[in-house]
């Protein structure tokens, strides 16, 4: 049986972007994260030690979002690497990082990057 732990629509204000305005003024970002994890032992024991704690996952993502980058691809790469290094129980990651209302003269809600690992 496949099982996943997820964080949906997590909002951050950060300073990612190629343009000087983005780096200076910042923007709102939204992350959707899905982690493939075997939760069978936690389901039996009711012990958080037997799963991946999503509060700790959030702290990792928050730390990485606080590091300014030009490219969302770079931010995603850092988040994926750190999650896999920090939580060996993670067998796969689906990460979607979206920049709300990007400064590109288009009428859209968000633009971003989606990464699938494992």
PDB file of N, CA and C in Angstrom:
ATOM      1  N   UNK A   1       0.842  -1.183   0.000  1.00  0.00           N
ATOM      2  CA  UNK A   1       0.000   0.000   0.000  1.00  0.00           C
ATOM      3  C   UNK A   1       0.887   1.245   0.000  1.00  0.00           C
ATOM      4  N   UNK A   2       0.623   2.163  -0.923  1.00  0.00           N
ATOM      5  CA  UNK A   2       1.339   3.435  -0.944  1.00  0.00           C
ATOM      6  C   UNK A   2       0.713   4.387   0.058  1.00  0.00           C
ATOM      7  N   UNK A   3       1.546   5.166   0.701  1.00  0.00           N
ATOM      8  CA  UNK A   3       1.049   6.166   1.638  1.00  0.00           C
ATOM      9  C   UNK A   3       1.869   7.444   1.476  1.00  0.00           C
ATOM     10  N   UNK A   4       1.221   8.561   1.758  1.00  0.00           N
ATOM     11  CA  UNK A   4       1.844   9.865   1.564  1.00  0.00           C
ATOM     12  C   UNK A   4       1.541  10.764   2.746  1.00  0.00           C
ATOM     13  N   UNK A   5       2.473  11.634   3.037  1.00  0.00           N
ATOM     14  CA  UNK A   5       2.289  12.729   3.974  1.00  0.00           C
ATOM     15  C   UNK A   5       2.339  13.993   3.121  1.00  0.00           C
ATOM     16  N   UNK A   6       1.437  14.937   3.377  1.00  0.00           N
ATOM     17  CA  UNK A   6       1.411  16.106   2.503  1.00  0.00           C
ATOM     18  C   UNK A   6       1.212  17.396   3.278  1.00  0.00           C
ATOM     19  N   UNK A   7       1.673  18.476   2.664  1.00  0.00           N
ATOM     20  CA  UNK A   7       1.413  19.847   3.095  1.00  0.00           C
ATOM     21  C   UNK A   7       0.803  20.551   1.885  1.00  0.00           C
ATOM     22  N   UNK A   8      -0.379  21.109   2.026  1.00  0.00           N
ATOM     23  CA  UNK A   8      -1.078  21.758   0.919  1.00  0.00           C
ATOM     24  C   UNK A   8      -1.165  23.270   1.117  1.00  0.00           C
ATOM     25  N   UNK A   9      -0.853  23.971   0.044  1.00  0.00           N
ATOM     26  CA  UNK A   9      -1.027  25.428  -0.006  1.00  0.00           C
ATOM     27  C   UNK A   9      -0.362  26.165   1.155  1.00  0.00           C
ATOM     28  N   UNK A  10       0.887  25.831   1.404  1.00  0.00           N
ATOM     29  CA  UNK A  10       1.659  26.501   2.446  1.00  0.00           C
ATOM     30  C   UNK A  10       2.167  27.821   1.866  1.00  0.00           C
ATOM     31  N   UNK A  11       1.853  28.918   2.535  1.00  0.00           N
ATOM     32  CA  UNK A  11       2.197  30.235   2.022  1.00  0.00           C
ATOM     33  C   UNK A  11       3.435  30.802   2.709  1.00  0.00           C
ATOM     34  N   UNK A  12       4.266  31.420   1.887  1.00  0.00           N
ATOM     35  CA  UNK A  12       5.480  32.075   2.375  1.00  0.00           C
ATOM     36  C   UNK A  12       5.623  33.424   1.682  1.00  0.00           C
ATOM     37  N   UNK A  13       6.237  34.362   2.349  1.00  0.00           N
ATOM     38  CA  UNK A  13       6.691  35.583   1.702  1.00  0.00           C
ATOM     39  C   UNK A  13       8.196  35.459   1.620  1.00  0.00           C
ATOM     40  N   UNK A  14       8.732  35.587   0.408  1.00  0.00           N
ATOM     41  CA  UNK A  14      10.166  35.359   0.221  1.00  0.00           C
ATOM     42  C   UNK A  14      10.705  36.265  -0.888  1.00  0.00           C
ATOM     43  N   UNK A  15      12.013  36.174  -1.098  1.00  0.00           N
ATOM     44  CA  UNK A  15      12.711  37.080  -2.018  1.00  0.00           C
ATOM     45  C   UNK A  15      13.403  36.302  -3.134  1.00  0.00           C
ATOM     46  N   UNK A  16      12.636  35.509  -3.853  1.00  0.00           N
ATOM     47  CA  UNK A  16      13.164  34.744  -4.977  1.00  0.00           C
ATOM     48  C   UNK A  16      12.779  35.435  -6.272  1.00  0.00           C
ATOM     49  N   UNK A  17      13.735  35.509  -7.191  1.00  0.00           N
ATOM     50  CA  UNK A  17      13.427  36.083  -8.495  1.00  0.00           C
ATOM     51  C   UNK A  17      14.663  36.573  -9.210  1.00  0.00           C
ATOM     52  N   UNK A  18      14.559  36.634 -10.505  1.00  0.00           N
ATOM     53  CA  UNK A  18      15.660  37.084 -11.360  1.00  0.00           C
ATOM     54  C   UNK A  18      15.774  38.608 -11.339  1.00  0.00           C
ATOM     55  N   UNK A  19      14.636  39.275 -11.244  1.00  0.00           N
ATOM     56  CA  UNK A  19      14.618  40.734 -11.353  1.00  0.00           C
ATOM     57  C   UNK A  19      14.915  41.405 -10.011  1.00  0.00           C
ATOM     58  N   UNK A  20      15.561  42.563 -10.091  1.00  0.00           N
ATOM     59  CA  UNK A  20      15.947  43.320  -8.900  1.00  0.00           C
ATOM     60  C   UNK A  20      14.733  43.625  -8.022  1.00  0.00           C
ATOM     61  N   UNK A  21      13.615  43.968  -8.656  1.00  0.00           N
ATOM     62  CA  UNK A  21      12.388  44.269  -7.906  1.00  0.00           C
ATOM     63  C   UNK A  21      11.959  43.082  -7.045  1.00  0.00           C
ATOM     64  N   UNK A  22      12.041  41.875  -7.591  1.00  0.00           N
ATOM     65  CA  UNK A  22      11.651  40.672  -6.844  1.00  0.00           C
ATOM     66  C   UNK A  22      12.586  40.439  -5.665  1.00  0.00           C
ATOM     67  N   UNK A  23      13.864  40.672  -5.889  1.00  0.00           N
ATOM     68  CA  UNK A  23      14.853  40.466  -4.843  1.00  0.00           C
ATOM     69  C   UNK A  23      14.727  41.516  -3.745  1.00  0.00           C
ATOM     70  N   UNK A  24      14.301  42.718  -4.121  1.00  0.00           N
ATOM     71  CA  UNK A  24      14.163  43.814  -3.159  1.00  0.00           C
ATOM     72  C   UNK A  24      12.821  43.779  -2.418  1.00  0.00           C
ATOM     73  N   UNK A  25      11.719  43.601  -3.176  1.00  0.00           N
ATOM     74  CA  UNK A  25      10.380  43.725  -2.604  1.00  0.00           C
ATOM     75  C   UNK A  25       9.772  42.399  -2.164  1.00  0.00           C
ATOM     76  N   UNK A  26      10.233  41.297  -2.729  1.00  0.00           N
ATOM     77  CA  UNK A  26       9.696  39.988  -2.379  1.00  0.00           C
ATOM     78  C   UNK A  26       8.348  39.720  -3.015  1.00  0.00           C
ATOM     79  N   UNK A  27       7.806  38.558  -2.723  1.00  0.00           N
ATOM     80  CA  UNK A  27       6.544  38.133  -3.302  1.00  0.00           C
ATOM     81  C   UNK A  27       5.973  37.010  -2.441  1.00  0.00           C
ATOM     82  N   UNK A  28       4.724  36.669  -2.709  1.00  0.00           N
ATOM     83  CA  UNK A  28       4.075  35.545  -2.029  1.00  0.00           C
ATOM     84  C   UNK A  28       4.297  34.281  -2.850  1.00  0.00           C
ATOM     85  N   UNK A  29       4.602  33.197  -2.153  1.00  0.00           N
ATOM     86  CA  UNK A  29       4.833  31.896  -2.765  1.00  0.00           C
ATOM     87  C   UNK A  29       3.939  30.865  -2.094  1.00  0.00           C
ATOM     88  N   UNK A  30       3.579  29.844  -2.860  1.00  0.00           N
ATOM     89  CA  UNK A  30       2.756  28.757  -2.326  1.00  0.00           C
ATOM     90  C   UNK A  30       3.444  27.437  -2.649  1.00  0.00           C
ATOM     91  N   UNK A  31       3.529  26.571  -1.639  1.00  0.00           N
ATOM     92  CA  UNK A  31       4.133  25.248  -1.817  1.00  0.00           C
ATOM     93  C   UNK A  31       3.090  24.175  -1.553  1.00  0.00           C
ATOM     94  N   UNK A  32       3.079  23.186  -2.429  1.00  0.00           N
ATOM     95  CA  UNK A  32       2.338  21.944  -2.212  1.00  0.00           C
ATOM     96  C   UNK A  32       3.371  20.829  -2.234  1.00  0.00           C
ATOM     97  N   UNK A  33       3.349  20.009  -1.202  1.00  0.00           N
ATOM     98  CA  UNK A  33       4.375  18.998  -1.010  1.00  0.00           C
ATOM     99  C   UNK A  33       3.727  17.666  -0.679  1.00  0.00           C
ATOM    100  N   UNK A  34       4.177  16.625  -1.363  1.00  0.00           N
ATOM    101  CA  UNK A  34       3.670  15.269  -1.111  1.00  0.00           C
ATOM    102  C   UNK A  34       4.872  14.345  -0.951  1.00  0.00           C
ATOM    103  N   UNK A  35       4.942  13.652   0.178  1.00  0.00           N
ATOM    104  CA  UNK A  35       6.079  12.792   0.514  1.00  0.00           C
ATOM    105  C   UNK A  35       5.627  11.339   0.563  1.00  0.00           C
ATOM    106  N   UNK A  36       6.281  10.497  -0.213  1.00  0.00           N
ATOM    107  CA  UNK A  36       5.973   9.066  -0.172  1.00  0.00           C
ATOM    108  C   UNK A  36       6.708   8.465   1.024  1.00  0.00           C
ATOM    109  N   UNK A  37       5.919   7.942   1.962  1.00  0.00           N
ATOM    110  CA  UNK A  37       6.456   7.416   3.222  1.00  0.00           C
ATOM    111  C   UNK A  37       5.650   6.182   3.614  1.00  0.00           C
ATOM    112  N   UNK A  38       6.335   5.167   4.091  1.00  0.00           N
ATOM    113  CA  UNK A  38       5.646   3.990   4.612  1.00  0.00           C
ATOM    114  C   UNK A  38       5.154   4.319   6.021  1.00  0.00           C
ATOM    115  N   UNK A  39       3.859   4.452   6.173  1.00  0.00           N
ATOM    116  CA  UNK A  39       3.301   4.818   7.484  1.00  0.00           C
ATOM    117  C   UNK A  39       2.730   3.612   8.238  1.00  0.00           C
ATOM    118  N   UNK A  40       2.966   2.412   7.745  1.00  0.00           N
ATOM    119  CA  UNK A  40       2.333   1.225   8.337  1.00  0.00           C
ATOM    120  C   UNK A  40       2.714   1.037   9.810  1.00  0.00           C
ATOM    121  N   UNK A  41       3.962   1.249  10.159  1.00  0.00           N
ATOM    122  CA  UNK A  41       4.368   1.065  11.563  1.00  0.00           C
ATOM    123  C   UNK A  41       3.728   2.122  12.455  1.00  0.00           C
ATOM    124  N   UNK A  42       3.689   3.358  11.990  1.00  0.00           N
ATOM    125  CA  UNK A  42       3.044   4.426  12.769  1.00  0.00           C
ATOM    126  C   UNK A  42       1.555   4.155  12.931  1.00  0.00           C
ATOM    127  N   UNK A  43       0.937   3.582  11.911  1.00  0.00           N
ATOM    128  CA  UNK A  43      -0.493   3.254  11.997  1.00  0.00           C
ATOM    129  C   UNK A  43      -0.752   2.219  13.084  1.00  0.00           C
ATOM    130  N   UNK A  44       0.215   1.328  13.320  1.00  0.00           N
ATOM    131  CA  UNK A  44       0.076   0.307  14.357  1.00  0.00           C
ATOM    132  C   UNK A  44       0.428   0.834  15.742  1.00  0.00           C
ATOM    133  N   UNK A  45       1.476   1.658  15.827  1.00  0.00           N
ATOM    134  CA  UNK A  45       2.015   2.047  17.132  1.00  0.00           C
ATOM    135  C   UNK A  45       1.468   3.362  17.681  1.00  0.00           C
ATOM    136  N   UNK A  46       0.930   4.220  16.806  1.00  0.00           N
ATOM    137  CA  UNK A  46       0.467   5.546  17.204  1.00  0.00           C
ATOM    138  C   UNK A  46       1.617   6.373  17.774  1.00  0.00           C
ATOM    139  N   UNK A  47       2.825   6.201  17.189  1.00  0.00           N
ATOM    140  CA  UNK A  47       4.031   6.863  17.671  1.00  0.00           C
ATOM    141  C   UNK A  47       4.635   7.674  16.527  1.00  0.00           C
ATOM    142  N   UNK A  48       4.772   8.977  16.730  1.00  0.00           N
ATOM    143  CA  UNK A  48       5.303   9.860  15.696  1.00  0.00           C
ATOM    144  C   UNK A  48       6.740   9.492  15.304  1.00  0.00           C
ATOM    145  N   UNK A  49       7.449   8.791  16.172  1.00  0.00           N
ATOM    146  CA  UNK A  49       8.810   8.363  15.861  1.00  0.00           C
ATOM    147  C   UNK A  49       8.851   7.366  14.702  1.00  0.00           C
ATOM    148  N   UNK A  50       7.700   6.783  14.363  1.00  0.00           N
ATOM    149  CA  UNK A  50       7.641   5.774  13.303  1.00  0.00           C
ATOM    150  C   UNK A  50       7.101   6.335  11.993  1.00  0.00           C
ATOM    151  N   UNK A  51       7.179   7.643  11.848  1.00  0.00           N
ATOM    152  CA  UNK A  51       6.731   8.292  10.615  1.00  0.00           C
ATOM    153  C   UNK A  51       7.593   9.523  10.377  1.00  0.00           C
ATOM    154  N   UNK A  52       7.222  10.327   9.409  1.00  0.00           N
ATOM    155  CA  UNK A  52       7.884  11.608   9.173  1.00  0.00           C
ATOM    156  C   UNK A  52       6.968  12.691   9.730  1.00  0.00           C
ATOM    157  N   UNK A  53       7.494  13.455  10.659  1.00  0.00           N
ATOM    158  CA  UNK A  53       6.723  14.492  11.343  1.00  0.00           C
ATOM    159  C   UNK A  53       6.541  15.687  10.406  1.00  0.00           C
ATOM    160  N   UNK A  54       5.309  15.970  10.017  1.00  0.00           N
ATOM    161  CA  UNK A  54       5.094  17.039   9.040  1.00  0.00           C
ATOM    162  C   UNK A  54       5.404  18.420   9.604  1.00  0.00           C
ATOM    163  N   UNK A  55       5.380  18.585  10.921  1.00  0.00           N
ATOM    164  CA  UNK A  55       5.791  19.862  11.513  1.00  0.00           C
ATOM    165  C   UNK A  55       7.289  20.091  11.296  1.00  0.00           C
ATOM    166  N   UNK A  56       8.081  19.026  11.414  1.00  0.00           N
ATOM    167  CA  UNK A  56       9.515  19.125  11.152  1.00  0.00           C
ATOM    168  C   UNK A  56       9.789  19.345   9.669  1.00  0.00           C
ATOM    169  N   UNK A  57       8.995  18.734   8.807  1.00  0.00           N
ATOM    170  CA  UNK A  57       9.107  18.952   7.364  1.00  0.00           C
ATOM    171  C   UNK A  57       8.860  20.429   7.057  1.00  0.00           C
ATOM    172  N   UNK A  58       7.818  20.985   7.647  1.00  0.00           N
ATOM    173  CA  UNK A  58       7.511  22.402   7.439  1.00  0.00           C
ATOM    174  C   UNK A  58       8.699  23.282   7.819  1.00  0.00           C
ATOM    175  N   UNK A  59       9.353  22.994   8.937  1.00  0.00           N
ATOM    176  CA  UNK A  59      10.493  23.809   9.381  1.00  0.00           C
ATOM    177  C   UNK A  59      11.642  23.762   8.370  1.00  0.00           C
ATOM    178  N   UNK A  60      11.877  22.596   7.773  1.00  0.00           N
ATOM    179  CA  UNK A  60      12.917  22.484   6.739  1.00  0.00           C
ATOM    180  C   UNK A  60      12.549  23.344   5.541  1.00  0.00           C
ATOM    181  N   UNK A  61      11.315  23.225   5.086  1.00  0.00           N
ATOM    182  CA  UNK A  61      10.863  24.003   3.930  1.00  0.00           C
ATOM    183  C   UNK A  61      10.962  25.502   4.240  1.00  0.00           C
ATOM    184  N   UNK A  62      10.518  25.895   5.407  1.00  0.00           N
ATOM    185  CA  UNK A  62      10.576  27.306   5.828  1.00  0.00           C
ATOM    186  C   UNK A  62      12.006  27.829   5.815  1.00  0.00           C
ATOM    187  N   UNK A  63      12.945  27.045   6.357  1.00  0.00           N
ATOM    188  CA  UNK A  63      14.355  27.450   6.365  1.00  0.00           C
ATOM    189  C   UNK A  63      14.868  27.682   4.946  1.00  0.00           C
ATOM    190  N   UNK A  64      14.546  26.777   4.041  1.00  0.00           N
ATOM    191  CA  UNK A  64      15.027  26.898   2.655  1.00  0.00           C
ATOM    192  C   UNK A  64      14.348  28.059   1.926  1.00  0.00           C
ATOM    193  N   UNK A  65      13.077  28.313   2.225  1.00  0.00           N
ATOM    194  CA  UNK A  65      12.382  29.437   1.589  1.00  0.00           C
ATOM    195  C   UNK A  65      12.953  30.773   2.051  1.00  0.00           C
ATOM    196  N   UNK A  66      13.574  30.807   3.210  1.00  0.00           N
ATOM    197  CA  UNK A  66      14.163  32.041   3.733  1.00  0.00           C
ATOM    198  C   UNK A  66      15.506  32.386   3.098  1.00  0.00           C
ATOM    199  N   UNK A  67      16.036  31.510   2.263  1.00  0.00           N
ATOM    200  CA  UNK A  67      17.304  31.763   1.572  1.00  0.00           C
ATOM    201  C   UNK A  67      16.975  32.289   0.174  1.00  0.00           C
ATOM    202  N   UNK A  68      17.249  33.576  -0.104  1.00  0.00           N
ATOM    203  CA  UNK A  68      16.912  34.131  -1.415  1.00  0.00           C
ATOM    204  C   UNK A  68      17.649  33.414  -2.549  1.00  0.00           C
ATOM    205  N   UNK A  69      16.932  33.200  -3.645  1.00  0.00           N
ATOM    206  CA  UNK A  69      17.492  32.588  -4.846  1.00  0.00           C
ATOM    207  C   UNK A  69      16.916  33.283  -6.066  1.00  0.00           C
ATOM    208  N   UNK A  70      17.644  33.256  -7.150  1.00  0.00           N
ATOM    209  CA  UNK A  70      17.130  33.811  -8.393  1.00  0.00           C
ATOM    210  C   UNK A  70      16.091  32.889  -9.014  1.00  0.00           C
ATOM    211  N   UNK A  71      16.355  31.588  -8.990  1.00  0.00           N
ATOM    212  CA  UNK A  71      15.504  30.626  -9.697  1.00  0.00           C
ATOM    213  C   UNK A  71      14.713  29.741  -8.732  1.00  0.00           C
ATOM    214  N   UNK A  72      13.444  29.541  -9.058  1.00  0.00           N
ATOM    215  CA  UNK A  72      12.624  28.615  -8.279  1.00  0.00           C
ATOM    216  C   UNK A  72      13.149  27.189  -8.400  1.00  0.00           C
ATOM    217  N   UNK A  73      13.757  26.863  -9.526  1.00  0.00           N
ATOM    218  CA  UNK A  73      14.364  25.547  -9.708  1.00  0.00           C
ATOM    219  C   UNK A  73      15.434  25.290  -8.644  1.00  0.00           C
ATOM    220  N   UNK A  74      16.187  26.324  -8.329  1.00  0.00           N
ATOM    221  CA  UNK A  74      17.239  26.211  -7.312  1.00  0.00           C
ATOM    222  C   UNK A  74      16.634  25.992  -5.931  1.00  0.00           C
ATOM    223  N   UNK A  75      15.579  26.739  -5.625  1.00  0.00           N
ATOM    224  CA  UNK A  75      14.897  26.579  -4.339  1.00  0.00           C
ATOM    225  C   UNK A  75      14.355  25.156  -4.208  1.00  0.00           C
ATOM    226  N   UNK A  76      13.689  24.671  -5.259  1.00  0.00           N
ATOM    227  CA  UNK A  76      13.135  23.305  -5.239  1.00  0.00           C
ATOM    228  C   UNK A  76      14.241  22.276  -5.042  1.00  0.00           C
ATOM    229  N   UNK A  77      15.340  22.438  -5.749  1.00  0.00           N
ATOM    230  CA  UNK A  77      16.454  21.502  -5.616  1.00  0.00           C
ATOM    231  C   UNK A  77      16.983  21.446  -4.201  1.00  0.00           C
ATOM    232  N   UNK A  78      17.124  22.598  -3.568  1.00  0.00           N
ATOM    233  CA  UNK A  78      17.600  22.639  -2.180  1.00  0.00           C
ATOM    234  C   UNK A  78      16.613  21.962  -1.243  1.00  0.00           C
ATOM    235  N   UNK A  79      15.327  22.244  -1.420  1.00  0.00           N
ATOM    236  CA  UNK A  79      14.309  21.653  -0.540  1.00  0.00           C
ATOM    237  C   UNK A  79      14.320  20.137  -0.664  1.00  0.00           C
ATOM    238  N   UNK A  80      14.323  19.622  -1.891  1.00  0.00           N
ATOM    239  CA  UNK A  80      14.309  18.167  -2.107  1.00  0.00           C
ATOM    240  C   UNK A  80      15.546  17.518  -1.501  1.00  0.00           C
ATOM    241  N   UNK A  81      16.723  18.063  -1.767  1.00  0.00           N
ATOM    242  CA  UNK A  81      17.965  17.487  -1.220  1.00  0.00           C
ATOM    243  C   UNK A  81      17.952  17.463   0.298  1.00  0.00           C
ATOM    244  N   UNK A  82      17.518  18.562   0.894  1.00  0.00           N
ATOM    245  CA  UNK A  82      17.532  18.628   2.361  1.00  0.00           C
ATOM    246  C   UNK A  82      16.507  17.692   2.978  1.00  0.00           C
ATOM    247  N   UNK A  83      15.325  17.589   2.389  1.00  0.00           N
ATOM    248  CA  UNK A  83      14.317  16.666   2.922  1.00  0.00           C
ATOM    249  C   UNK A  83      14.808  15.226   2.849  1.00  0.00           C
ATOM    250  N   UNK A  84      15.395  14.839   1.725  1.00  0.00           N
ATOM    251  CA  UNK A  84      15.889  13.465   1.585  1.00  0.00           C
ATOM    252  C   UNK A  84      17.031  13.184   2.552  1.00  0.00           C
ATOM    253  N   UNK A  85      17.876  14.184   2.788  1.00  0.00           N
ATOM    254  CA  UNK A  85      18.999  14.016   3.710  1.00  0.00           C
ATOM    255  C   UNK A  85      18.514  13.962   5.162  1.00  0.00           C
ATOM    256  N   UNK A  86      17.522  14.781   5.497  1.00  0.00           N
ATOM    257  CA  UNK A  86      17.050  14.899   6.875  1.00  0.00           C
ATOM    258  C   UNK A  86      16.127  13.765   7.284  1.00  0.00           C
ATOM    259  N   UNK A  87      15.334  13.269   6.330  1.00  0.00           N
ATOM    260  CA  UNK A  87      14.330  12.241   6.626  1.00  0.00           C
ATOM    261  C   UNK A  87      14.534  11.029   5.720  1.00  0.00           C
ATOM    262  N   UNK A  88      15.387  10.089   6.126  1.00  0.00           N
ATOM    263  CA  UNK A  88      15.672   8.922   5.292  1.00  0.00           C
ATOM    264  C   UNK A  88      14.449   8.064   4.972  1.00  0.00           C
ATOM    265  N   UNK A  89      13.377   8.197   5.739  1.00  0.00           N
ATOM    266  CA  UNK A  89      12.169   7.404   5.487  1.00  0.00           C
ATOM    267  C   UNK A  89      11.415   7.873   4.242  1.00  0.00           C
ATOM    268  N   UNK A  90      11.742   9.056   3.732  1.00  0.00           N
ATOM    269  CA  UNK A  90      11.072   9.558   2.529  1.00  0.00           C
ATOM    270  C   UNK A  90      11.578   8.782   1.315  1.00  0.00           C
ATOM    271  N   UNK A  91      10.654   8.193   0.572  1.00  0.00           N
ATOM    272  CA  UNK A  91      10.995   7.387  -0.614  1.00  0.00           C
ATOM    273  C   UNK A  91      10.704   8.118  -1.921  1.00  0.00           C
ATOM    274  N   UNK A  92      10.003   9.213  -1.855  1.00  0.00           N
ATOM    275  CA  UNK A  92       9.696  10.007  -3.039  1.00  0.00           C
ATOM    276  C   UNK A  92       9.111  11.340  -2.638  1.00  0.00           C
ATOM    277  N   UNK A  93       9.308  12.336  -3.501  1.00  0.00           N
ATOM    278  CA  UNK A  93       8.833  13.688  -3.221  1.00  0.00           C
ATOM    279  C   UNK A  93       8.176  14.258  -4.465  1.00  0.00           C
ATOM    280  N   UNK A  94       7.021  14.877  -4.274  1.00  0.00           N
ATOM    281  CA  UNK A  94       6.391  15.705  -5.292  1.00  0.00           C
ATOM    282  C   UNK A  94       6.282  17.103  -4.693  1.00  0.00           C
ATOM    283  N   UNK A  95       6.923  18.066  -5.332  1.00  0.00           N
ATOM    284  CA  UNK A  95       6.990  19.427  -4.817  1.00  0.00           C
ATOM    285  C   UNK A  95       6.555  20.394  -5.905  1.00  0.00           C
ATOM    286  N   UNK A  96       5.620  21.263  -5.565  1.00  0.00           N
ATOM    287  CA  UNK A  96       5.174  22.307  -6.484  1.00  0.00           C
ATOM    288  C   UNK A  96       5.372  23.642  -5.780  1.00  0.00           C
ATOM    289  N   UNK A  97       6.171  24.510  -6.400  1.00  0.00           N
ATOM    290  CA  UNK A  97       6.457  25.831  -5.855  1.00  0.00           C
ATOM    291  C   UNK A  97       5.942  26.872  -6.841  1.00  0.00           C
ATOM    292  N   UNK A  98       5.016  27.712  -6.395  1.00  0.00           N
ATOM    293  CA  UNK A  98       4.406  28.705  -7.266  1.00  0.00           C
ATOM    294  C   UNK A  98       4.627  30.113  -6.731  1.00  0.00           C
ATOM    295  N   UNK A  99       4.940  31.027  -7.634  1.00  0.00           N
ATOM    296  CA  UNK A  99       5.065  32.444  -7.311  1.00  0.00           C
ATOM    297  C   UNK A  99       3.737  33.111  -7.658  1.00  0.00           C
ATOM    298  N   UNK A 100       3.110  33.722  -6.679  1.00  0.00           N
ATOM    299  CA  UNK A 100       1.831  34.398  -6.893  1.00  0.00           C
ATOM    300  C   UNK A 100       2.055  35.682  -7.681  1.00  0.00           C
ATOM    301  N   UNK A 101       1.219  35.913  -8.660  1.00  0.00           N
ATOM    302  CA  UNK A 101       1.227  37.153  -9.442  1.00  0.00           C
ATOM    303  C   UNK A 101       2.643  37.586  -9.839  1.00  0.00           C
ATOM    304  N   UNK A 102       3.358  36.781 -10.603  1.00  0.00           N
ATOM    305  CA  UNK A 102       4.723  37.136 -10.987  1.00  0.00           C
ATOM    306  C   UNK A 102       4.752  38.372 -11.888  1.00  0.00           C
ATOM    307  N   UNK A 103       5.828  39.154 -11.801  1.00  0.00           N
ATOM    308  CA  UNK A 103       5.904  40.409 -12.564  1.00  0.00           C
ATOM    309  C   UNK A 103       6.279  40.149 -14.026  1.00  0.00           C
ATOM    310  N   UNK A 104       5.319  39.672 -14.809  1.00  0.00           N
ATOM    311  CA  UNK A 104       5.608  39.380 -16.215  1.00  0.00           C
ATOM    312  C   UNK A 104       4.554  39.929 -17.154  1.00  0.00           C
ATOM    313  N   UNK A 105       3.671  40.749 -16.638  1.00  0.00           N
ATOM    314  CA  UNK A 105       2.683  41.387 -17.478  1.00  0.00           C
ATOM    315  C   UNK A 105       1.571  40.475 -17.961  1.00  0.00           C
ATOM    316  N   UNK A 106       1.368  39.351 -17.307  1.00  0.00           N
ATOM    317  CA  UNK A 106       0.321  38.413 -17.696  1.00  0.00           C
ATOM    318  C   UNK A 106      -0.764  38.382 -16.628  1.00  0.00           C
ATOM    319  N   UNK A 107      -1.968  38.030 -17.040  1.00  0.00           N
ATOM    320  CA  UNK A 107      -3.083  37.891 -16.104  1.00  0.00           C
ATOM    321  C   UNK A 107      -3.155  36.428 -15.673  1.00  0.00           C
ATOM    322  N   UNK A 108      -2.470  36.080 -14.579  1.00  0.00           N
ATOM    323  CA  UNK A 108      -2.464  34.714 -14.072  1.00  0.00           C
ATOM    324  C   UNK A 108      -2.309  34.733 -12.562  1.00  0.00           C
ATOM    325  N   UNK A 109      -2.750  33.655 -11.950  1.00  0.00           N
ATOM    326  CA  UNK A 109      -2.657  33.543 -10.499  1.00  0.00           C
ATOM    327  C   UNK A 109      -1.241  33.266 -10.025  1.00  0.00           C
ATOM    328  N   UNK A 110      -0.552  32.367 -10.735  1.00  0.00           N
ATOM    329  CA  UNK A 110       0.781  31.957 -10.288  1.00  0.00           C
ATOM    330  C   UNK A 110       1.528  31.291 -11.434  1.00  0.00           C
ATOM    331  N   UNK A 111       2.854  31.269 -11.276  1.00  0.00           N
ATOM    332  CA  UNK A 111       3.729  30.519 -12.184  1.00  0.00           C
ATOM    333  C   UNK A 111       4.772  29.850 -11.307  1.00  0.00           C
ATOM    334  N   UNK A 112       5.269  28.697 -11.750  1.00  0.00           N
ATOM    335  CA  UNK A 112       6.229  28.037 -10.885  1.00  0.00           C
ATOM    336  C   UNK A 112       6.854  26.801 -11.465  1.00  0.00           C
ATOM    337  N   UNK A 113       7.294  25.954 -10.567  1.00  0.00           N
ATOM    338  CA  UNK A 113       8.056  24.757 -10.893  1.00  0.00           C
ATOM    339  C   UNK A 113       7.475  23.584 -10.125  1.00  0.00           C
ATOM    340  N   UNK A 114       7.434  22.438 -10.785  1.00  0.00           N
ATOM    341  CA  UNK A 114       7.022  21.199 -10.130  1.00  0.00           C
ATOM    342  C   UNK A 114       8.129  20.184 -10.306  1.00  0.00           C
ATOM    343  N   UNK A 115       8.499  19.525  -9.201  1.00  0.00           N
ATOM    344  CA  UNK A 115       9.578  18.542  -9.196  1.00  0.00           C
ATOM    345  C   UNK A 115       9.042  17.227  -8.651  1.00  0.00           C
ATOM    346  N   UNK A 116       9.394  16.127  -9.308  1.00  0.00           N
ATOM    347  CA  UNK A 116       9.042  14.792  -8.822  1.00  0.00           C
ATOM    348  C   UNK A 116      10.343  14.010  -8.672  1.00  0.00           C
ATOM    349  N   UNK A 117      10.573  13.496  -7.470  1.00  0.00           N
ATOM    350  CA  UNK A 117      11.787  12.743  -7.174  1.00  0.00           C
ATOM    351  C   UNK A 117      11.404  11.403  -6.558  1.00  0.00           C
ATOM    352  N   UNK A 118      11.921  10.339  -7.120  1.00  0.00           N
ATOM    353  CA  UNK A 118      11.679   9.012  -6.554  1.00  0.00           C
ATOM    354  C   UNK A 118      10.423   8.351  -6.946  1.00  0.00           C
TER     355      UNK A 118
END
